[in-house]
Amino acid sequence: MNKQELIDEWDAIASSLAPENLHEDGEISQAEADQKFMEIHNEAKALFQKMPCPQDIIDRCDDDLSMYAEQKEKYHPDIFSVKDLKDRLAQVGLPFEEVESGSDGVICLCFATDDEDYNE
């Protein structure tokens, strides 16, 4: 599929999630509509693997498609990589010893000093 075909698929998914289309103008039961809803989201998950949903389609869809948007890393400006941490500590003469914990997560670094240069 080319990019336009993928966009057209996202547009079709958004359209199929409109209440009148999802419920087929009231001609199907709530259970059938729920099943249809799950099937549409399964299609969306598969399509997301090929291309994230364009923001304009997310914005105009009656259902929430934001989980299929392009994922942008949103980091606080004081969050940085382990390499950056090592470099920053080396700049101020502090040692860094890496410890394996066996899991991914967040490292919170706290230290105290009586050095007046760092007393902010």
C-alpha atoms as a PDB file:
ATOM      1  CA  MET A   1       0.000   0.000   0.000  1.00  0.00           C
ATOM      2  CA  ASN A   2       1.188   3.493  -0.732  1.00  0.00           C
ATOM      3  CA  LYS A   3       0.828   6.404   1.682  1.00  0.00           C
ATOM      4  CA  GLN A   4      -2.446   7.657   0.186  1.00  0.00           C
ATOM      5  CA  GLU A   5      -3.996   4.196   0.414  1.00  0.00           C
ATOM      6  CA  LEU A   6      -2.997   4.009   4.085  1.00  0.00           C
ATOM      7  CA  ILE A   7      -4.520   7.441   4.716  1.00  0.00           C
ATOM      8  CA  ASP A   8      -7.690   6.287   2.956  1.00  0.00           C
ATOM      9  CA  GLU A   9      -7.777   3.234   5.253  1.00  0.00           C
ATOM     10  CA  TRP A  10      -7.499   5.489   8.325  1.00  0.00           C
ATOM     11  CA  ASP A  11     -10.283   7.654   6.922  1.00  0.00           C
ATOM     12  CA  ALA A  12     -12.467   4.558   6.439  1.00  0.00           C
ATOM     13  CA  ILE A  13     -11.799   3.455  10.020  1.00  0.00           C
ATOM     14  CA  ALA A  14     -12.730   6.897  11.363  1.00  0.00           C
ATOM     15  CA  SER A  15     -15.879   6.910   9.261  1.00  0.00           C
ATOM     16  CA  SER A  16     -16.871   3.430  10.429  1.00  0.00           C
ATOM     17  CA  LEU A  17     -16.614   4.612  14.053  1.00  0.00           C
ATOM     18  CA  ALA A  18     -19.254   7.304  13.555  1.00  0.00           C
ATOM     19  CA  PRO A  19     -22.274   6.314  15.688  1.00  0.00           C
ATOM     20  CA  GLU A  20     -24.638   6.014  12.719  1.00  0.00           C
ATOM     21  CA  ASN A  21     -22.192   3.723  10.908  1.00  0.00           C
ATOM     22  CA  LEU A  22     -21.150   1.747  13.973  1.00  0.00           C
ATOM     23  CA  HIS A  23     -24.776   1.022  14.894  1.00  0.00           C
ATOM     24  CA  GLU A  24     -25.874   0.781  11.241  1.00  0.00           C
ATOM     25  CA  ASP A  25     -28.590   3.369  11.869  1.00  0.00           C
ATOM     26  CA  GLY A  26     -29.986   1.319  14.766  1.00  0.00           C
ATOM     27  CA  GLU A  27     -30.413  -1.854  12.749  1.00  0.00           C
ATOM     28  CA  ILE A  28     -28.000  -3.962  14.822  1.00  0.00           C
ATOM     29  CA  SER A  29     -28.010  -4.836  18.518  1.00  0.00           C
ATOM     30  CA  GLN A  30     -25.698  -3.228  21.053  1.00  0.00           C
ATOM     31  CA  ALA A  31     -23.785  -6.526  21.313  1.00  0.00           C
ATOM     32  CA  GLU A  32     -23.268  -6.547  17.539  1.00  0.00           C
ATOM     33  CA  ALA A  33     -22.154  -2.902  17.633  1.00  0.00           C
ATOM     34  CA  ASP A  34     -19.707  -3.731  20.438  1.00  0.00           C
ATOM     35  CA  GLN A  35     -18.294  -6.608  18.379  1.00  0.00           C
ATOM     36  CA  LYS A  36     -18.029  -4.365  15.332  1.00  0.00           C
ATOM     37  CA  PHE A  37     -16.264  -1.716  17.468  1.00  0.00           C
ATOM     38  CA  MET A  38     -13.661  -4.276  18.596  1.00  0.00           C
ATOM     39  CA  GLU A  39     -13.106  -5.458  15.029  1.00  0.00           C
ATOM     40  CA  ILE A  40     -12.606  -1.881  13.811  1.00  0.00           C
ATOM     41  CA  HIS A  41     -10.043  -1.237  16.556  1.00  0.00           C
ATOM     42  CA  ASN A  42      -8.262  -4.484  15.669  1.00  0.00           C
ATOM     43  CA  GLU A  43      -8.020  -3.197  12.091  1.00  0.00           C
ATOM     44  CA  ALA A  44      -6.713   0.115  13.436  1.00  0.00           C
ATOM     45  CA  LYS A  45      -4.027  -1.665  15.488  1.00  0.00           C
ATOM     46  CA  ALA A  46      -2.880  -3.567  12.409  1.00  0.00           C
ATOM     47  CA  LEU A  47      -2.884  -0.407  10.297  1.00  0.00           C
ATOM     48  CA  PHE A  48      -0.928   1.455  12.983  1.00  0.00           C
ATOM     49  CA  GLN A  49       1.928  -1.022  12.411  1.00  0.00           C
ATOM     50  CA  LYS A  50       2.129   0.272   8.825  1.00  0.00           C
ATOM     51  CA  MET A  51       1.488   3.968   9.498  1.00  0.00           C
ATOM     52  CA  PRO A  52       0.279   6.075  12.443  1.00  0.00           C
ATOM     53  CA  CYS A  53      -3.106   7.723  12.074  1.00  0.00           C
ATOM     54  CA  PRO A  54      -2.830  11.255  10.661  1.00  0.00           C
ATOM     55  CA  GLN A  55      -3.688  13.949  13.206  1.00  0.00           C
ATOM     56  CA  ASP A  56      -6.437  15.504  11.055  1.00  0.00           C
ATOM     57  CA  ILE A  57      -8.277  12.162  11.016  1.00  0.00           C
ATOM     58  CA  ILE A  58      -7.844  11.776  14.788  1.00  0.00           C
ATOM     59  CA  ASP A  59      -9.261  15.279  15.251  1.00  0.00           C
ATOM     60  CA  ARG A  60     -12.409  14.644  13.241  1.00  0.00           C
ATOM     61  CA  CYS A  61     -13.163  11.086  14.370  1.00  0.00           C
ATOM     62  CA  ASP A  62     -16.159  10.581  16.680  1.00  0.00           C
ATOM     63  CA  ASP A  63     -14.172   7.980  18.657  1.00  0.00           C
ATOM     64  CA  ASP A  64     -10.772   8.381  20.311  1.00  0.00           C
ATOM     65  CA  LEU A  65      -8.028   7.352  17.889  1.00  0.00           C
ATOM     66  CA  SER A  66      -5.260   9.180  19.756  1.00  0.00           C
ATOM     67  CA  MET A  67      -3.619   5.882  20.762  1.00  0.00           C
ATOM     68  CA  TYR A  68      -2.852   5.361  17.065  1.00  0.00           C
ATOM     69  CA  ALA A  69      -1.143   8.747  16.647  1.00  0.00           C
ATOM     70  CA  GLU A  70       2.529   9.085  15.901  1.00  0.00           C
ATOM     71  CA  GLN A  71       4.301   8.551  19.196  1.00  0.00           C
ATOM     72  CA  LYS A  72       6.539  11.446  20.044  1.00  0.00           C
ATOM     73  CA  GLU A  73       8.923  11.197  22.932  1.00  0.00           C
ATOM     74  CA  LYS A  74       7.892  13.697  25.558  1.00  0.00           C
ATOM     75  CA  TYR A  75      10.642  14.137  28.076  1.00  0.00           C
ATOM     76  CA  HIS A  76      11.096  16.669  30.784  1.00  0.00           C
ATOM     77  CA  PRO A  77      14.123  18.859  29.958  1.00  0.00           C
ATOM     78  CA  ASP A  78      15.956  17.428  32.995  1.00  0.00           C
ATOM     79  CA  ILE A  79      15.578  13.833  31.810  1.00  0.00           C
ATOM     80  CA  PHE A  80      18.510  12.476  29.869  1.00  0.00           C
ATOM     81  CA  SER A  81      20.177   9.235  28.839  1.00  0.00           C
ATOM     82  CA  VAL A  82      22.570   7.209  30.983  1.00  0.00           C
ATOM     83  CA  LYS A  83      25.439   8.341  28.745  1.00  0.00           C
ATOM     84  CA  ASP A  84      24.444  11.983  29.296  1.00  0.00           C
ATOM     85  CA  LEU A  85      24.278  11.321  33.028  1.00  0.00           C
ATOM     86  CA  LYS A  86      27.799   9.847  33.021  1.00  0.00           C
ATOM     87  CA  ASP A  87      29.092  12.822  31.020  1.00  0.00           C
ATOM     88  CA  ARG A  88      27.436  15.379  33.297  1.00  0.00           C
ATOM     89  CA  LEU A  89      28.766  13.732  36.425  1.00  0.00           C
ATOM     90  CA  ALA A  90      32.259  13.500  34.913  1.00  0.00           C
ATOM     91  CA  GLN A  91      32.155  17.251  34.191  1.00  0.00           C
ATOM     92  CA  VAL A  92      31.805  17.971  37.903  1.00  0.00           C
ATOM     93  CA  GLY A  93      34.191  15.246  39.024  1.00  0.00           C
ATOM     94  CA  LEU A  94      31.611  12.865  40.471  1.00  0.00           C
ATOM     95  CA  PRO A  95      31.925   9.118  39.966  1.00  0.00           C
ATOM     96  CA  PHE A  96      29.247   7.095  38.251  1.00  0.00           C
ATOM     97  CA  GLU A  97      28.831   3.400  38.827  1.00  0.00           C
ATOM     98  CA  GLU A  98      26.260   1.570  36.758  1.00  0.00           C
ATOM     99  CA  VAL A  99      24.147  -1.005  38.559  1.00  0.00           C
ATOM    100  CA  GLU A 100      22.045  -3.570  36.711  1.00  0.00           C
ATOM    101  CA  SER A 101      18.590  -3.909  38.202  1.00  0.00           C
ATOM    102  CA  GLY A 102      17.126  -6.295  35.664  1.00  0.00           C
ATOM    103  CA  SER A 103      14.318  -3.945  34.719  1.00  0.00           C
ATOM    104  CA  ASP A 104      13.763  -0.794  32.725  1.00  0.00           C
ATOM    105  CA  GLY A 105      12.652   2.290  34.511  1.00  0.00           C
ATOM    106  CA  VAL A 106      13.526   5.719  35.747  1.00  0.00           C
ATOM    107  CA  ILE A 107      16.686   6.605  37.593  1.00  0.00           C
ATOM    108  CA  CYS A 108      16.317   9.323  40.161  1.00  0.00           C
ATOM    109  CA  LEU A 109      19.651  10.861  41.018  1.00  0.00           C
ATOM    110  CA  CYS A 110      20.024  12.747  44.245  1.00  0.00           C
ATOM    111  CA  PHE A 111      23.200  13.806  45.933  1.00  0.00           C
ATOM    112  CA  ALA A 112      24.288  16.320  48.496  1.00  0.00           C
ATOM    113  CA  THR A 113      27.357  18.493  48.589  1.00  0.00           C
ATOM    114  CA  ASP A 114      28.745  21.185  50.774  1.00  0.00           C
ATOM    115  CA  ASP A 115      30.533  22.738  47.795  1.00  0.00           C
ATOM    116  CA  GLU A 116      29.376  26.369  47.540  1.00  0.00           C
ATOM    117  CA  ASP A 117      29.587  26.235  43.723  1.00  0.00           C
ATOM    118  CA  TYR A 118      26.596  23.877  43.685  1.00  0.00           C
ATOM    119  CA  ASN A 119      24.540  25.500  46.408  1.00  0.00           C
ATOM    120  CA  GLU A 120      21.624  26.663  44.254  1.00  0.00           C
END
